[in-house]
Structure formats: C-alpha cells, structure tokens
Amino acid sequence: MLVIAVSSFWIQQIRLIGPFSPIHVLSILVLVTVPLAVWYAHTIRWLRITAP
C-alpha cells in the first residue's frame, strides 16, 4: 500500500490543480494514515499484554 502511494507521485497524466491530481491527495492520506494505524494497533496490543 505504501509502495503504491509513493509510486503514484510519478503519475502526471491527470492534472487538475497545477501538476497535481486527486490521486496525490489520496496518496498523502495513505502515507499519513498507514503508519498511524500500525502504531495504534501496536500500542493497543502492547497495552492489552501489559495490563494487569
């Protein structure tokens, strides 16, 4: 998922706002939310393991 999001920055055929398209907004969203989701899942799992 992250690899596809990064590779989408080289797509230049659809230009709506200067050199950018809606796919670039989605790619930024993926690049932000995937690491957050992994961190959140890891934190919740760690809290469940260490909770008394």
N, C-alpha and C. Protein backbone atom coordinates (compact mmCIF):
# COMPACT_ATOMS: atom_id res chain seq x y z
N MET A 1 0.82 -1.18 0.00
CA MET A 1 0.00 0.00 0.00
C MET A 1 0.87 1.26 0.00
N LEU A 2 1.90 1.24 0.82
CA LEU A 2 2.79 2.40 0.86
C LEU A 2 3.58 2.56 -0.44
N VAL A 3 3.98 1.44 -1.02
CA VAL A 3 4.75 1.50 -2.27
C VAL A 3 3.90 2.08 -3.39
N ILE A 4 2.65 1.67 -3.46
CA ILE A 4 1.76 2.20 -4.49
C ILE A 4 1.49 3.69 -4.26
N ALA A 5 1.33 4.08 -3.01
CA ALA A 5 1.10 5.50 -2.72
C ALA A 5 2.30 6.35 -3.12
N VAL A 6 3.49 5.86 -2.85
CA VAL A 6 4.69 6.61 -3.24
C VAL A 6 4.84 6.65 -4.76
N SER A 7 4.59 5.52 -5.41
CA SER A 7 4.75 5.48 -6.87
C SER A 7 3.72 6.34 -7.59
N SER A 8 2.61 6.65 -6.96
CA SER A 8 1.59 7.47 -7.62
C SER A 8 2.04 8.91 -7.81
N PHE A 9 3.07 9.33 -7.11
CA PHE A 9 3.55 10.70 -7.29
C PHE A 9 4.21 10.90 -8.66
N TRP A 10 4.49 9.84 -9.38
CA TRP A 10 5.06 9.96 -10.72
C TRP A 10 3.99 9.94 -11.80
N ILE A 11 2.72 9.88 -11.41
CA ILE A 11 1.63 9.94 -12.38
C ILE A 11 1.41 11.40 -12.73
N GLN A 12 1.54 11.74 -13.99
CA GLN A 12 1.42 13.14 -14.41
C GLN A 12 0.37 13.33 -15.51
N GLN A 13 -0.40 12.31 -15.88
CA GLN A 13 -1.35 12.44 -16.98
C GLN A 13 -2.57 13.27 -16.61
N ILE A 14 -3.07 13.10 -15.40
CA ILE A 14 -4.28 13.81 -14.98
C ILE A 14 -3.86 15.01 -14.13
N ARG A 15 -4.06 16.19 -14.67
CA ARG A 15 -3.66 17.42 -13.95
C ARG A 15 -4.88 18.29 -13.76
N LEU A 16 -5.30 18.44 -12.51
CA LEU A 16 -6.45 19.29 -12.22
C LEU A 16 -6.05 20.58 -11.51
N ILE A 17 -5.05 20.47 -10.62
CA ILE A 17 -4.58 21.63 -9.86
C ILE A 17 -3.08 21.72 -10.09
N GLY A 18 -2.69 22.44 -11.11
CA GLY A 18 -1.27 22.51 -11.45
C GLY A 18 -0.78 21.13 -11.86
N PRO A 19 0.33 20.67 -11.30
CA PRO A 19 0.83 19.34 -11.66
C PRO A 19 0.20 18.22 -10.82
N PHE A 20 -0.80 18.55 -10.01
CA PHE A 20 -1.37 17.58 -9.08
C PHE A 20 -2.77 17.16 -9.49
N SER A 21 -3.16 15.98 -9.00
CA SER A 21 -4.50 15.45 -9.24
C SER A 21 -5.05 14.90 -7.93
N PRO A 22 -6.31 14.50 -7.91
CA PRO A 22 -6.88 13.94 -6.68
C PRO A 22 -6.14 12.70 -6.18
N ILE A 23 -5.49 11.97 -7.05
CA ILE A 23 -4.73 10.78 -6.62
C ILE A 23 -3.60 11.18 -5.69
N HIS A 24 -3.05 12.36 -5.87
CA HIS A 24 -1.97 12.82 -5.00
C HIS A 24 -2.48 13.09 -3.58
N VAL A 25 -3.69 13.61 -3.47
CA VAL A 25 -4.29 13.84 -2.15
C VAL A 25 -4.52 12.50 -1.45
N LEU A 26 -5.02 11.52 -2.19
CA LEU A 26 -5.23 10.19 -1.62
C LEU A 26 -3.91 9.55 -1.22
N SER A 27 -2.88 9.77 -2.00
CA SER A 27 -1.57 9.20 -1.68
C SER A 27 -1.03 9.80 -0.38
N ILE A 28 -1.18 11.09 -0.21
CA ILE A 28 -0.74 11.73 1.03
C ILE A 28 -1.54 11.19 2.21
N LEU A 29 -2.83 11.00 2.01
CA LEU A 29 -3.67 10.44 3.06
C LEU A 29 -3.20 9.04 3.46
N VAL A 30 -2.87 8.22 2.48
CA VAL A 30 -2.37 6.87 2.76
C VAL A 30 -1.03 6.93 3.48
N LEU A 31 -0.13 7.80 3.02
CA LEU A 31 1.19 7.91 3.64
C LEU A 31 1.11 8.38 5.09
N VAL A 32 0.05 9.07 5.45
CA VAL A 32 -0.11 9.52 6.83
C VAL A 32 -0.84 8.47 7.67
N THR A 33 -1.91 7.90 7.13
CA THR A 33 -2.76 7.03 7.95
C THR A 33 -2.22 5.61 8.13
N VAL A 34 -1.50 5.07 7.18
CA VAL A 34 -0.98 3.70 7.36
C VAL A 34 0.00 3.62 8.52
N PRO A 35 1.00 4.49 8.61
CA PRO A 35 1.88 4.43 9.79
C PRO A 35 1.13 4.69 11.10
N LEU A 36 0.15 5.59 11.08
CA LEU A 36 -0.64 5.82 12.28
C LEU A 36 -1.43 4.58 12.68
N ALA A 37 -2.00 3.90 11.71
CA ALA A 37 -2.77 2.69 12.00
C ALA A 37 -1.88 1.59 12.57
N VAL A 38 -0.68 1.44 12.02
CA VAL A 38 0.25 0.44 12.54
C VAL A 38 0.67 0.79 13.95
N TRP A 39 0.98 2.05 14.19
CA TRP A 39 1.37 2.47 15.54
C TRP A 39 0.23 2.26 16.53
N TYR A 40 -0.99 2.62 16.13
CA TYR A 40 -2.14 2.47 17.00
C TYR A 40 -2.39 0.99 17.31
N ALA A 41 -2.33 0.15 16.31
CA ALA A 41 -2.54 -1.29 16.53
C ALA A 41 -1.47 -1.86 17.45
N HIS A 42 -0.24 -1.45 17.26
CA HIS A 42 0.85 -1.93 18.11
C HIS A 42 0.67 -1.44 19.55
N THR A 43 0.29 -0.19 19.73
CA THR A 43 0.11 0.37 21.06
C THR A 43 -1.03 -0.31 21.81
N ILE A 44 -2.14 -0.52 21.15
CA ILE A 44 -3.29 -1.18 21.79
C ILE A 44 -2.93 -2.62 22.16
N ARG A 45 -2.23 -3.31 21.28
CA ARG A 45 -1.83 -4.68 21.58
C ARG A 45 -0.86 -4.72 22.77
N TRP A 46 0.07 -3.78 22.81
CA TRP A 46 1.03 -3.73 23.91
C TRP A 46 0.31 -3.41 25.22
N LEU A 47 -0.68 -2.52 25.18
CA LEU A 47 -1.43 -2.19 26.39
C LEU A 47 -2.23 -3.39 26.91
N ARG A 48 -2.77 -4.19 26.00
CA ARG A 48 -3.53 -5.37 26.41
C ARG A 48 -2.61 -6.42 27.04
N ILE A 49 -1.40 -6.54 26.52
CA ILE A 49 -0.47 -7.54 27.04
C ILE A 49 0.02 -7.13 28.41
N THR A 50 0.30 -5.85 28.62
CA THR A 50 0.89 -5.40 29.88
C THR A 50 -0.14 -5.01 30.92
N ALA A 51 -1.42 -4.97 30.57
CA ALA A 51 -2.44 -4.59 31.54
C ALA A 51 -2.60 -5.70 32.57
N PRO A 52 -2.80 -5.31 33.84
CA PRO A 52 -2.96 -6.34 34.89
C PRO A 52 -4.31 -7.01 34.84
